[in-house]
Amino acid sequence: MTARLRMGVVALAMPLLMGASPGELIKVSGHVKAFGVGSVPYQSRLFSGPTGSAVVDARLKLAIRPWKGLTFEFDPTLTASLGGAGGVNTGVGLTAPELLSMTAQIVSGPSFGLRFRVDRALVRADLGPVRLTVGRQAITFGQGQLFTPMDLVAPFNPAVLDQSYKPGVDAFRGDVFLGMSGQISAVVAYLGEESLGETGVPDGGDPEPPELADVALALHGQGTAGTVDLGGFVGAVYGDFVGGVSVYAPIGPVGLYGDVTLTVVTEEEPMVYPRAVVGVVLRPTTTTTLMVEVYGQRFGTDTKSEYLLTSMSERYQRGELWLAGHLYASVLLAQEITPLVSASALVVANLLDPSALLMGSVSWSVASNADLAAGVQMGVGKRPDELVENPLASGRSEFGIVPVTGFVQVGVYF
């Protein structure tokens, strides 16, 4: 048994070793979530037939506060996957670049996988108005909900089923809180592709300091002017310079928000790539929420035959981008049917294609510590041309290739 595997087994067994009452200084919680996903594709030589998969994810959350102002957090996770791709990302068991390797693929097979990962491992110190956090943590900036141009430090695809936990990234973060709403944050995060081994040295060589392209440097500030929240962002991410602003303005029952970023790419000649999202949140009733966003980006392509090549580029592979076109809109409607049952419907549309991704779900709070959800996803738009040599590179639409996919999700919390 490897050292990392022993660490995972001990961590997940810790609640049993500690007993039912961990004490005031130690807080233990967590969850077990299970997903079943199945896809029924349209008739095409691109698909071999219906597919199915199952994922079970267990997370232990351990927080230790030995004295006021000092917190240790440690979240080991164990994720088991069964079957092939089901056509939709569950959002659990995801990884991020690691400065120190704390992920172990215990089983890796064609139909079954088992992975252990420490997703949070940090120390946080609160010193008056200053907070210092060192270790594996989730970092997010910006106001966008579905389209997130300012979420650049180990970004999280917002179209996944479960958005409870963004994968942690190894980073140092310093926050200074000013007054009631002011905050200045500085972040240094590791974004390199290679992890250090158990010895702390890359395989086959001596340790070297990360290059600029392997590190994210970010400075973010926010404050309130009247009732309007304003934010600013500057940073260097994967060697690109990024600057941006964000705003949130409540007008009665309506919330207006937006993010605008400019990415300066210096690979050859300097080029500026704008990205922007504008959104509105409405609450027509106490049980109804409507959210609309419009998003544009210079990244991507307006040529349908280039969708495949665009989606294989480095920015898409690392999660910075997840859409291949230039102009999009989304509409999300969430409705509480009863205090225990709610439903939602989401439409994401490529306005220049045109094509759309449709999602609907129903969730039920089965008990105080358990919930159940089920839903369906499908694409609408022009499908690939079966007569050409490479249908994926033909004049298809962006979302027309998405098959009908259903899912069931169960969560138990402790």
Protein backbone atom coordinates (compact mmCIF):
# COMPACT_ATOMS: atom_id res chain seq x y z
CA MET A 1 0.00 0.00 0.00
CA THR A 2 1.48 3.35 -1.05
CA ALA A 3 1.91 6.25 1.36
CA ARG A 4 -0.77 8.29 -0.42
CA LEU A 5 -3.23 5.39 -0.33
CA ARG A 6 -2.60 4.85 3.40
CA MET A 7 -3.21 8.53 3.98
CA GLY A 8 -6.51 8.33 2.09
CA VAL A 9 -7.75 5.28 4.02
CA VAL A 10 -6.87 6.83 7.38
CA ALA A 11 -8.47 10.14 6.45
CA LEU A 12 -11.76 8.61 5.36
CA ALA A 13 -11.86 6.44 8.50
CA MET A 14 -11.18 9.37 10.81
CA PRO A 15 -14.83 9.91 11.88
CA LEU A 16 -14.93 6.35 13.25
CA LEU A 17 -11.62 6.75 15.06
CA MET A 18 -12.63 10.05 16.60
CA GLY A 19 -16.03 8.95 17.82
CA ALA A 20 -19.40 10.67 17.53
CA SER A 21 -18.47 13.87 19.34
CA PRO A 22 -15.33 15.44 17.90
CA GLY A 23 -15.40 18.40 20.29
CA GLU A 24 -15.68 22.12 19.86
CA LEU A 25 -12.23 22.58 18.34
CA ILE A 26 -12.74 19.97 15.64
CA LYS A 27 -15.59 19.94 13.14
CA VAL A 28 -16.19 16.87 10.99
CA SER A 29 -18.70 16.78 8.17
CA GLY A 30 -18.97 15.48 4.64
CA HIS A 31 -21.14 13.75 2.09
CA VAL A 32 -21.59 10.75 -0.15
CA LYS A 33 -23.05 11.47 -3.59
CA ALA A 34 -24.02 9.03 -6.30
CA PHE A 35 -24.79 9.79 -9.95
CA GLY A 36 -26.26 7.64 -12.66
CA VAL A 37 -25.98 9.01 -16.21
CA GLY A 38 -27.25 7.53 -19.45
CA SER A 39 -27.23 8.82 -23.03
CA VAL A 40 -29.37 7.81 -26.01
CA PRO A 41 -27.71 9.32 -29.11
CA TYR A 42 -29.39 10.01 -32.40
CA GLN A 43 -28.63 7.56 -35.20
CA SER A 44 -25.14 8.37 -36.44
CA ARG A 45 -21.88 6.63 -37.15
CA LEU A 46 -20.33 8.98 -34.61
CA PHE A 47 -22.02 7.01 -31.81
CA SER A 48 -21.88 3.28 -31.15
CA GLY A 49 -25.17 3.27 -29.25
CA PRO A 50 -26.59 4.09 -25.82
CA THR A 51 -24.04 4.60 -23.05
CA GLY A 52 -24.25 4.66 -19.28
CA SER A 53 -22.05 5.45 -16.32
CA ALA A 54 -22.17 5.76 -12.56
CA VAL A 55 -20.08 7.85 -10.18
CA VAL A 56 -19.89 7.69 -6.39
CA ASP A 57 -18.05 10.49 -4.60
CA ALA A 58 -17.25 10.56 -0.87
CA ARG A 59 -15.85 13.68 0.78
CA LEU A 60 -14.72 14.13 4.37
CA LYS A 61 -14.47 17.72 5.60
CA LEU A 62 -12.22 18.25 8.60
CA ALA A 63 -11.79 21.70 10.17
CA ILE A 64 -9.55 22.23 13.20
CA ARG A 65 -9.48 25.54 15.08
CA PRO A 66 -6.92 25.17 17.88
CA TRP A 67 -7.42 28.80 18.86
CA LYS A 68 -9.24 31.88 17.63
CA GLY A 69 -7.98 33.15 14.30
CA LEU A 70 -6.26 29.93 13.17
CA THR A 71 -7.96 27.26 11.05
CA PHE A 72 -6.74 24.05 9.43
CA GLU A 73 -8.92 22.49 6.70
CA PHE A 74 -8.42 19.06 5.19
CA ASP A 75 -10.81 17.49 2.65
CA PRO A 76 -9.87 14.02 1.39
CA THR A 77 -12.10 12.60 -1.34
CA LEU A 78 -12.58 9.16 -2.82
CA THR A 79 -14.28 8.87 -6.23
CA ALA A 80 -15.34 5.65 -7.95
CA SER A 81 -16.50 5.60 -11.56
CA LEU A 82 -18.17 2.77 -13.42
CA GLY A 83 -18.88 2.50 -17.14
CA GLY A 84 -18.09 4.72 -20.10
CA ALA A 85 -18.80 8.38 -20.66
CA GLY A 86 -22.43 9.26 -20.13
CA GLY A 87 -22.42 12.47 -22.15
CA VAL A 88 -22.47 14.92 -19.25
CA ASN A 89 -19.92 15.93 -16.61
CA THR A 90 -21.06 15.27 -13.05
CA GLY A 91 -18.67 17.84 -11.58
CA VAL A 92 -17.21 15.55 -8.90
CA GLY A 93 -13.82 13.88 -8.81
CA LEU A 94 -12.21 16.68 -10.81
CA THR A 95 -8.53 17.54 -10.43
CA ALA A 96 -6.36 20.61 -10.89
CA PRO A 97 -2.61 21.20 -11.35
CA GLU A 98 -0.69 20.26 -8.20
CA LEU A 99 2.53 21.67 -6.81
CA LEU A 100 2.66 18.75 -4.37
CA SER A 101 1.04 15.54 -5.55
CA MET A 102 -1.91 14.60 -3.34
CA THR A 103 -3.84 12.60 -5.92
CA ALA A 104 -3.56 8.85 -6.44
CA GLN A 105 -5.28 6.85 -9.17
CA ILE A 106 -5.79 3.64 -7.21
CA VAL A 107 -7.58 1.75 -9.97
CA SER A 108 -7.52 2.73 -13.64
CA GLY A 109 -9.41 0.41 -15.93
CA PRO A 110 -11.55 0.64 -19.08
CA SER A 111 -14.79 0.28 -17.10
CA PHE A 112 -13.87 1.04 -13.48
CA GLY A 113 -11.76 3.70 -11.83
CA LEU A 114 -10.99 4.64 -8.23
CA ARG A 115 -9.23 7.88 -7.36
CA PHE A 116 -8.13 9.37 -4.05
CA ARG A 117 -7.47 13.09 -3.86
CA VAL A 118 -6.95 15.68 -1.15
CA ASP A 119 -9.09 18.50 -2.54
CA ARG A 120 -8.56 20.95 0.34
CA ALA A 121 -5.47 21.21 2.51
CA LEU A 122 -4.95 24.69 3.89
CA VAL A 123 -3.98 26.81 6.85
CA ARG A 124 -5.84 30.10 7.38
CA ALA A 125 -4.83 32.82 9.83
CA ASP A 126 -7.05 35.80 10.66
CA LEU A 127 -5.01 38.70 12.00
CA GLY A 128 -7.45 41.54 12.54
CA PRO A 129 -8.43 42.88 9.10
CA VAL A 130 -5.88 40.59 7.38
CA ARG A 131 -6.48 36.99 6.39
CA LEU A 132 -3.67 34.75 5.11
CA THR A 133 -4.43 31.38 3.49
CA VAL A 134 -1.77 28.90 2.37
CA GLY A 135 -2.42 25.55 0.73
CA ARG A 136 -4.95 23.85 -1.53
CA GLN A 137 -8.03 26.03 -1.84
CA ALA A 138 -10.74 27.14 -4.28
CA ILE A 139 -10.30 30.61 -5.79
CA THR A 140 -13.02 32.42 -7.74
CA PHE A 141 -13.45 36.02 -8.91
CA GLY A 142 -16.22 37.78 -10.82
CA GLN A 143 -20.01 38.17 -10.85
CA GLY A 144 -20.89 35.93 -13.82
CA GLN A 145 -22.89 32.81 -12.98
CA LEU A 146 -22.97 30.65 -16.11
CA PHE A 147 -20.47 32.65 -18.19
CA THR A 148 -17.43 33.47 -16.05
CA PRO A 149 -14.76 35.50 -17.91
CA MET A 150 -13.03 36.50 -14.65
CA ASP A 151 -12.79 32.95 -13.26
CA LEU A 152 -9.27 32.18 -14.49
CA VAL A 153 -7.46 30.50 -11.59
CA ALA A 154 -8.14 26.78 -12.14
CA PRO A 155 -11.57 27.56 -13.65
CA PHE A 156 -14.63 25.40 -13.08
CA ASN A 157 -16.95 24.49 -15.93
CA PRO A 158 -20.33 25.95 -14.86
CA ALA A 159 -22.30 23.46 -16.98
CA VAL A 160 -21.60 20.45 -14.73
CA LEU A 161 -24.34 18.74 -12.73
CA ASP A 162 -22.90 19.34 -9.26
CA GLN A 163 -21.29 22.72 -8.58
CA SER A 164 -20.82 22.34 -4.82
CA TYR A 165 -17.02 22.15 -4.85
CA LYS A 166 -14.65 23.77 -7.29
CA PRO A 167 -11.37 21.78 -7.42
CA GLY A 168 -8.76 23.20 -5.07
CA VAL A 169 -5.52 24.67 -6.41
CA ASP A 170 -2.22 25.05 -4.54
CA ALA A 171 -1.93 28.75 -3.74
CA PHE A 172 -1.11 31.54 -1.33
CA ARG A 173 -3.85 34.11 -0.79
CA GLY A 174 -3.83 37.29 1.24
CA ASP A 175 -7.01 39.30 1.93
CA VAL A 176 -7.31 42.72 3.54
CA PHE A 177 -10.82 43.73 4.63
CA LEU A 178 -11.58 47.44 4.59
CA GLY A 179 -14.67 48.78 6.33
CA MET A 180 -17.99 47.01 5.79
CA SER A 181 -17.58 45.90 2.17
CA GLY A 182 -14.06 46.70 0.95
CA GLN A 183 -11.64 43.90 0.23
CA ILE A 184 -8.27 43.59 -1.50
CA SER A 185 -7.06 40.10 -2.42
CA ALA A 186 -3.67 38.97 -3.71
CA VAL A 187 -3.19 35.43 -5.05
CA VAL A 188 -0.22 33.38 -6.19
CA ALA A 189 -1.40 29.99 -7.53
CA TYR A 190 0.41 27.08 -9.16
CA LEU A 191 -0.98 26.21 -12.60
CA GLY A 192 1.75 23.97 -13.96
CA GLU A 193 0.89 20.69 -15.61
CA GLU A 194 3.39 18.46 -13.77
CA SER A 195 3.12 17.52 -10.11
CA LEU A 196 6.06 16.93 -7.81
CA GLY A 197 6.52 13.35 -6.73
CA GLU A 198 6.55 11.97 -3.20
CA THR A 199 10.15 13.13 -2.84
CA GLY A 200 9.22 16.68 -3.83
CA VAL A 201 11.42 16.47 -6.93
CA PRO A 202 10.17 16.15 -10.53
CA ASP A 203 11.03 12.79 -12.07
CA GLY A 204 14.47 12.75 -13.61
CA GLY A 205 15.78 16.10 -12.40
CA ASP A 206 16.44 18.60 -9.68
CA PRO A 207 13.66 20.90 -8.41
CA GLU A 208 13.32 24.10 -10.42
CA PRO A 209 11.24 27.19 -9.64
CA PRO A 210 7.99 27.35 -11.63
CA GLU A 211 8.04 29.49 -14.75
CA LEU A 212 5.69 32.44 -15.17
CA ALA A 213 3.45 30.36 -17.44
CA ASP A 214 3.01 27.86 -14.58
CA VAL A 215 1.87 30.46 -12.05
CA ALA A 216 -1.15 32.71 -11.75
CA LEU A 217 -0.55 36.13 -10.15
CA ALA A 218 -3.77 37.99 -9.39
CA LEU A 219 -4.81 41.15 -7.57
CA HIS A 220 -8.50 41.79 -6.97
CA GLY A 221 -10.23 44.66 -5.22
CA GLN A 222 -13.87 45.31 -4.46
CA GLY A 223 -15.96 47.89 -2.67
CA THR A 224 -19.38 49.52 -2.57
CA ALA A 225 -20.43 52.93 -3.87
CA GLY A 226 -23.91 53.57 -2.53
CA THR A 227 -25.75 50.33 -3.36
CA VAL A 228 -23.48 49.34 -6.27
CA ASP A 229 -20.72 46.76 -5.78
CA LEU A 230 -17.64 47.42 -7.90
CA GLY A 231 -14.63 45.20 -8.50
CA GLY A 232 -11.35 45.29 -10.37
CA PHE A 233 -8.96 42.54 -11.44
CA VAL A 234 -5.40 42.49 -12.79
CA GLY A 235 -3.25 39.44 -13.20
CA ALA A 236 -0.85 37.29 -15.15
CA VAL A 237 -2.33 33.87 -15.97
CA TYR A 238 -0.42 31.28 -18.02
CA GLY A 239 1.83 34.11 -19.22
CA ASP A 240 -1.07 36.29 -20.41
CA PHE A 241 -1.87 39.67 -18.89
CA VAL A 242 -5.51 40.02 -17.87
CA GLY A 243 -7.36 43.07 -16.62
CA GLY A 244 -11.05 43.43 -15.87
CA VAL A 245 -13.87 45.08 -13.96
CA SER A 246 -17.10 43.76 -12.47
CA VAL A 247 -20.29 45.35 -11.14
CA TYR A 248 -23.45 44.37 -9.28
CA ALA A 249 -26.30 46.87 -9.01
CA PRO A 250 -29.58 46.03 -7.25
CA ILE A 251 -32.58 47.99 -8.51
CA GLY A 252 -35.52 47.04 -6.32
CA PRO A 253 -36.26 43.33 -6.91
CA VAL A 254 -33.93 43.27 -9.95
CA GLY A 255 -30.22 42.57 -9.77
CA LEU A 256 -27.98 43.72 -12.63
CA TYR A 257 -24.41 42.42 -12.87
CA GLY A 258 -21.57 41.98 -15.28
CA ASP A 259 -17.88 41.25 -15.87
CA VAL A 260 -15.57 42.56 -18.59
CA THR A 261 -12.02 41.28 -19.09
CA LEU A 262 -9.25 41.98 -21.59
CA THR A 263 -6.67 39.27 -22.17
CA VAL A 264 -3.39 40.34 -23.74
CA VAL A 265 -1.75 37.38 -25.48
CA THR A 266 1.95 37.83 -26.24
CA GLU A 267 2.84 34.51 -27.90
CA GLU A 268 3.84 36.26 -31.15
CA GLU A 269 2.46 39.76 -31.68
CA PRO A 270 0.48 41.19 -28.76
CA MET A 271 -3.24 40.65 -29.29
CA VAL A 272 -6.14 41.78 -27.08
CA TYR A 273 -9.08 39.43 -26.58
CA PRO A 274 -12.14 40.89 -24.82
CA ARG A 275 -14.67 38.78 -22.94
CA ALA A 276 -17.84 40.17 -21.32
CA VAL A 277 -21.00 38.98 -19.61
CA VAL A 278 -24.07 40.98 -18.63
CA GLY A 279 -26.77 39.42 -16.48
CA VAL A 280 -30.01 40.15 -14.68
CA VAL A 281 -31.71 38.29 -11.82
CA LEU A 282 -35.47 38.66 -11.36
CA ARG A 283 -37.69 37.26 -8.62
CA PRO A 284 -41.26 37.59 -9.90
CA THR A 285 -42.55 35.76 -6.83
CA THR A 286 -41.08 34.56 -3.54
CA THR A 287 -40.72 31.07 -5.05
CA THR A 288 -39.58 31.95 -8.58
CA THR A 289 -36.14 33.03 -9.82
CA LEU A 290 -35.32 34.04 -13.39
CA MET A 291 -31.73 34.67 -14.49
CA VAL A 292 -30.71 35.86 -17.96
CA GLU A 293 -27.12 36.32 -19.19
CA VAL A 294 -25.61 37.48 -22.48
CA TYR A 295 -21.97 36.67 -23.15
CA GLY A 296 -19.47 37.53 -25.86
CA GLN A 297 -15.84 36.53 -26.45
CA ARG A 298 -13.26 37.17 -29.12
CA PHE A 299 -11.77 33.76 -28.45
CA GLY A 300 -13.36 30.97 -30.45
CA THR A 301 -14.51 30.86 -34.05
CA ASP A 302 -17.45 31.79 -36.26
CA THR A 303 -16.72 28.96 -38.71
CA LYS A 304 -18.70 25.83 -37.89
CA SER A 305 -16.19 23.47 -39.45
CA GLU A 306 -13.55 24.76 -36.99
CA TYR A 307 -15.50 23.93 -33.79
CA LEU A 308 -13.63 20.68 -33.25
CA LEU A 309 -10.18 22.20 -33.76
CA THR A 310 -11.07 25.15 -31.53
CA SER A 311 -12.29 22.93 -28.70
CA MET A 312 -9.01 21.00 -28.78
CA SER A 313 -6.88 24.11 -28.17
CA GLU A 314 -4.95 24.60 -24.96
CA ARG A 315 -7.31 27.18 -23.45
CA TYR A 316 -10.23 24.78 -23.76
CA GLN A 317 -8.31 21.78 -22.49
CA ARG A 318 -7.34 23.57 -19.28
CA GLY A 319 -10.90 24.84 -18.72
CA GLU A 320 -10.35 28.56 -19.31
CA LEU A 321 -12.93 28.42 -22.13
CA TRP A 322 -15.77 25.97 -22.66
CA LEU A 323 -17.64 27.51 -25.60
CA ALA A 324 -16.33 27.56 -29.19
CA GLY A 325 -18.29 30.49 -30.66
CA HIS A 326 -18.48 34.24 -30.11
CA LEU A 327 -21.95 35.23 -28.82
CA TYR A 328 -24.22 33.41 -26.36
CA ALA A 329 -27.29 33.87 -24.19
CA SER A 330 -28.68 31.81 -21.32
CA VAL A 331 -31.98 31.72 -19.49
CA LEU A 332 -32.42 29.92 -16.16
CA LEU A 333 -35.83 29.51 -14.50
CA ALA A 334 -35.98 28.03 -11.00
CA GLN A 335 -39.31 27.33 -9.33
CA GLU A 336 -40.09 26.09 -5.83
CA ILE A 337 -43.07 23.74 -6.22
CA THR A 338 -43.35 22.86 -2.54
CA PRO A 339 -41.00 23.59 0.38
CA LEU A 340 -39.33 20.25 -0.37
CA VAL A 341 -39.58 20.04 -4.17
CA SER A 342 -38.13 22.43 -6.76
CA ALA A 343 -37.61 22.42 -10.50
CA SER A 344 -35.35 24.29 -12.92
CA ALA A 345 -34.94 24.74 -16.65
CA LEU A 346 -31.86 26.10 -18.43
CA VAL A 347 -31.28 27.14 -22.04
CA VAL A 348 -27.79 28.02 -23.34
CA ALA A 349 -27.86 29.27 -26.92
CA ASN A 350 -25.17 30.05 -29.47
CA LEU A 351 -26.82 33.07 -31.09
CA LEU A 352 -24.69 33.05 -34.25
CA ASP A 353 -24.96 29.33 -34.96
CA PRO A 354 -27.79 28.96 -34.09
CA SER A 355 -28.04 26.01 -31.69
CA ALA A 356 -28.93 25.47 -28.05
CA LEU A 357 -28.31 23.25 -25.05
CA LEU A 358 -31.47 22.44 -23.06
CA MET A 359 -31.42 21.18 -19.46
CA GLY A 360 -34.22 20.48 -17.00
CA SER A 361 -34.22 18.98 -13.52
CA VAL A 362 -36.37 18.29 -10.48
CA SER A 363 -34.97 18.02 -6.95
CA TRP A 364 -36.54 16.68 -3.77
CA SER A 365 -35.31 17.17 -0.22
CA VAL A 366 -35.96 13.63 0.98
CA ALA A 367 -34.76 14.31 4.54
CA SER A 368 -32.83 16.93 6.47
CA ASN A 369 -29.58 15.29 5.38
CA ALA A 370 -30.51 13.74 2.02
CA ASP A 371 -31.69 14.89 -1.39
CA LEU A 372 -32.67 13.36 -4.70
CA ALA A 373 -32.55 14.94 -8.17
CA ALA A 374 -33.28 13.83 -11.71
CA GLY A 375 -33.03 15.60 -15.02
CA VAL A 376 -32.41 15.54 -18.75
CA GLN A 377 -30.11 17.34 -21.19
CA MET A 378 -30.23 17.57 -24.98
CA GLY A 379 -28.86 19.62 -27.84
CA VAL A 380 -30.85 21.38 -30.53
CA GLY A 381 -29.29 22.42 -33.84
CA LYS A 382 -27.79 21.17 -37.08
CA ARG A 383 -26.21 17.76 -36.71
CA PRO A 384 -22.96 16.64 -38.37
CA ASP A 385 -23.01 15.82 -42.07
CA GLU A 386 -22.72 12.04 -42.35
CA LEU A 387 -21.67 12.22 -46.02
CA VAL A 388 -18.33 13.92 -45.45
CA GLU A 389 -15.13 12.14 -44.44
CA ASN A 390 -14.95 13.80 -41.00
CA PRO A 391 -18.46 14.57 -39.73
CA LEU A 392 -17.16 16.31 -36.57
CA ALA A 393 -15.31 18.87 -38.70
CA SER A 394 -18.24 19.43 -41.06
CA GLY A 395 -20.65 22.36 -41.04
CA ARG A 396 -22.43 21.21 -37.90
CA SER A 397 -23.79 23.39 -35.11
CA GLU A 398 -22.08 23.64 -31.73
CA PHE A 399 -24.79 22.02 -29.60
CA GLY A 400 -26.52 19.93 -32.28
CA ILE A 401 -24.14 17.04 -31.63
CA VAL A 402 -25.20 16.70 -27.97
CA PRO A 403 -27.32 13.54 -27.49
CA VAL A 404 -30.28 13.13 -25.15
CA THR A 405 -28.87 12.44 -21.69
CA GLY A 406 -30.68 11.66 -18.45
CA PHE A 407 -29.29 11.62 -14.93
CA VAL A 408 -30.24 10.73 -11.37
CA GLN A 409 -28.39 12.14 -8.37
CA VAL A 410 -28.57 11.11 -4.70
CA GLY A 411 -26.77 12.94 -1.90
CA VAL A 412 -26.42 12.05 1.79
CA TYR A 413 -24.77 14.55 4.16
CA PHE A 414 -23.37 14.22 7.65
